[in-house]
């Protein structure tokens, strides 16, 4: 085989590795169902609830007590993640919160992390919509 073929094979392997790594599991990430989430939130003093959606999404609708740290800030290490409590992440569908967990796990190996599986769509409770001013 010539050099170009080996280069293409190598790039293909790297590409496959990157795809698997980006969709793979996050070490020690708890996937909370709606019931598990509600149970965990019965003691909010032990939990930091982080909404990883964009600020405009957070303003429109969020879970009471949550703080907004967008995924892009977490990925670029532009946000300070509280480490004194268990972290519960959520987004609209659960995809961004899992990505955020992966980014947080790279910096904080032993931090207790969980995410709301299915995101806000999985909850049957009402969240806190922003009060529109007239």
Protein backbone atom coordinates (compact mmCIF):
# COMPACT_ATOMS: atom_id res chain seq x y z
CA UNK A 1 0.00 0.00 0.00
CA UNK A 2 1.15 3.48 -0.68
CA UNK A 3 1.57 6.33 1.81
CA UNK A 4 -1.77 7.99 0.93
CA UNK A 5 -3.70 4.81 1.74
CA UNK A 6 -1.98 4.49 5.12
CA UNK A 7 -2.73 8.14 5.85
CA UNK A 8 -6.41 7.64 4.97
CA UNK A 9 -6.60 4.56 7.20
CA UNK A 10 -4.95 6.46 10.05
CA UNK A 11 -7.30 9.42 9.70
CA UNK A 12 -10.27 7.06 9.55
CA UNK A 13 -9.20 5.41 12.81
CA UNK A 14 -8.74 8.80 14.50
CA UNK A 15 -12.17 9.92 13.26
CA UNK A 16 -13.86 6.76 14.56
CA UNK A 17 -12.09 7.17 17.91
CA UNK A 18 -13.29 10.77 18.21
CA UNK A 19 -16.89 9.81 17.39
CA UNK A 20 -16.90 6.97 19.92
CA UNK A 21 -15.27 9.17 22.55
CA UNK A 22 -17.77 12.01 22.11
CA UNK A 23 -20.82 9.73 22.44
CA UNK A 24 -19.36 7.32 24.96
CA UNK A 25 -20.30 7.10 28.60
CA UNK A 26 -19.08 9.54 31.24
CA UNK A 27 -17.27 7.88 34.12
CA UNK A 28 -19.38 7.77 37.30
CA UNK A 29 -22.21 9.90 35.88
CA UNK A 30 -25.56 9.15 37.49
CA UNK A 31 -28.47 9.23 35.04
CA UNK A 32 -31.43 10.47 37.06
CA UNK A 33 -34.97 9.55 36.08
CA UNK A 34 -37.79 11.92 36.95
CA UNK A 35 -38.43 10.04 40.21
CA UNK A 36 -34.72 9.96 41.13
CA UNK A 37 -34.39 13.66 40.33
CA UNK A 38 -37.35 14.64 42.51
CA UNK A 39 -35.99 12.50 45.34
CA UNK A 40 -32.54 14.10 45.10
CA UNK A 41 -34.05 17.60 45.03
CA UNK A 42 -35.87 17.00 48.33
CA UNK A 43 -32.57 18.06 49.95
CA UNK A 44 -31.55 21.04 47.80
CA UNK A 45 -28.94 22.15 50.34
CA UNK A 46 -26.82 19.14 49.28
CA UNK A 47 -27.09 19.81 45.53
CA UNK A 48 -25.95 22.44 43.05
CA UNK A 49 -28.45 22.36 40.19
CA UNK A 50 -26.93 23.63 36.94
CA UNK A 51 -28.91 24.45 33.80
CA UNK A 52 -26.46 24.13 30.88
CA UNK A 53 -28.75 25.71 28.28
CA UNK A 54 -28.22 29.14 26.76
CA UNK A 55 -29.21 32.19 28.83
CA UNK A 56 -32.27 32.98 26.69
CA UNK A 57 -33.57 29.42 27.25
CA UNK A 58 -32.94 29.73 30.98
CA UNK A 59 -34.80 33.05 31.15
CA UNK A 60 -37.78 31.58 29.34
CA UNK A 61 -38.10 28.49 31.56
CA UNK A 62 -36.02 26.84 34.27
CA UNK A 63 -36.22 24.77 37.43
CA UNK A 64 -36.41 26.85 40.58
CA UNK A 65 -33.08 27.07 42.39
CA UNK A 66 -31.00 26.31 39.30
CA UNK A 67 -28.02 28.37 38.21
CA UNK A 68 -27.28 28.93 34.54
CA UNK A 69 -23.85 27.93 33.27
CA UNK A 70 -24.10 27.42 29.49
CA UNK A 71 -22.44 24.38 27.94
CA UNK A 72 -20.13 26.49 25.78
CA UNK A 73 -18.64 28.15 28.89
CA UNK A 74 -18.17 24.78 30.57
CA UNK A 75 -16.44 23.33 27.50
CA UNK A 76 -14.08 26.33 27.22
CA UNK A 77 -13.28 26.30 30.97
CA UNK A 78 -14.76 29.80 31.27
CA UNK A 79 -17.02 28.93 34.21
CA UNK A 80 -16.28 28.15 37.83
CA UNK A 81 -18.01 24.92 38.79
CA UNK A 82 -18.95 24.71 42.48
CA UNK A 83 -17.26 21.66 44.03
CA UNK A 84 -18.62 21.78 47.57
CA UNK A 85 -21.88 19.92 46.75
CA UNK A 86 -23.16 17.20 44.45
CA UNK A 87 -23.71 18.54 40.93
CA UNK A 88 -26.92 17.85 39.01
CA UNK A 89 -26.94 19.03 35.41
CA UNK A 90 -29.92 19.45 33.13
CA UNK A 91 -30.85 20.85 29.73
CA UNK A 92 -33.85 20.50 27.44
CA UNK A 93 -33.33 16.89 26.32
CA UNK A 94 -30.37 15.52 28.30
CA UNK A 95 -27.83 15.69 25.47
CA UNK A 96 -26.09 18.94 26.45
CA UNK A 97 -26.06 18.01 30.14
CA UNK A 98 -24.21 14.79 29.29
CA UNK A 99 -21.69 16.77 27.22
CA UNK A 100 -21.25 19.19 30.11
CA UNK A 101 -20.68 16.26 32.47
CA UNK A 102 -17.93 14.96 30.19
CA UNK A 103 -16.20 18.37 30.20
CA UNK A 104 -16.55 18.74 33.98
CA UNK A 105 -15.28 15.20 34.58
CA UNK A 106 -12.03 16.02 32.74
CA UNK A 107 -11.25 18.71 35.33
CA UNK A 108 -12.87 17.22 38.45
CA UNK A 109 -12.24 13.47 38.52
CA UNK A 110 -14.00 12.73 41.83
CA UNK A 111 -16.83 15.28 41.86
CA UNK A 112 -20.25 13.63 42.34
CA UNK A 113 -22.04 14.26 39.02
CA UNK A 114 -25.54 13.46 37.85
CA UNK A 115 -27.72 14.60 34.99
CA UNK A 116 -31.46 14.57 34.41
CA UNK A 117 -31.98 11.85 31.82
CA UNK A 118 -34.28 13.25 29.15
CA UNK A 119 -33.86 16.81 30.43
CA UNK A 120 -36.79 19.12 31.03
CA UNK A 121 -38.85 17.09 28.56
CA UNK A 122 -38.78 14.19 31.03
CA UNK A 123 -40.26 16.20 33.91
CA UNK A 124 -43.98 16.36 34.48
CA UNK A 125 -43.60 19.26 36.87
CA UNK A 126 -43.86 22.91 36.07
CA UNK A 127 -40.65 24.88 35.99
CA UNK A 128 -40.27 28.58 36.67
CA UNK A 129 -41.01 30.76 33.64
CA UNK A 130 -39.55 34.23 33.56
CA UNK A 131 -41.96 36.95 34.60
CA UNK A 132 -42.45 39.18 31.57
CA UNK A 133 -42.44 42.87 32.39
CA UNK A 134 -44.93 45.13 30.68
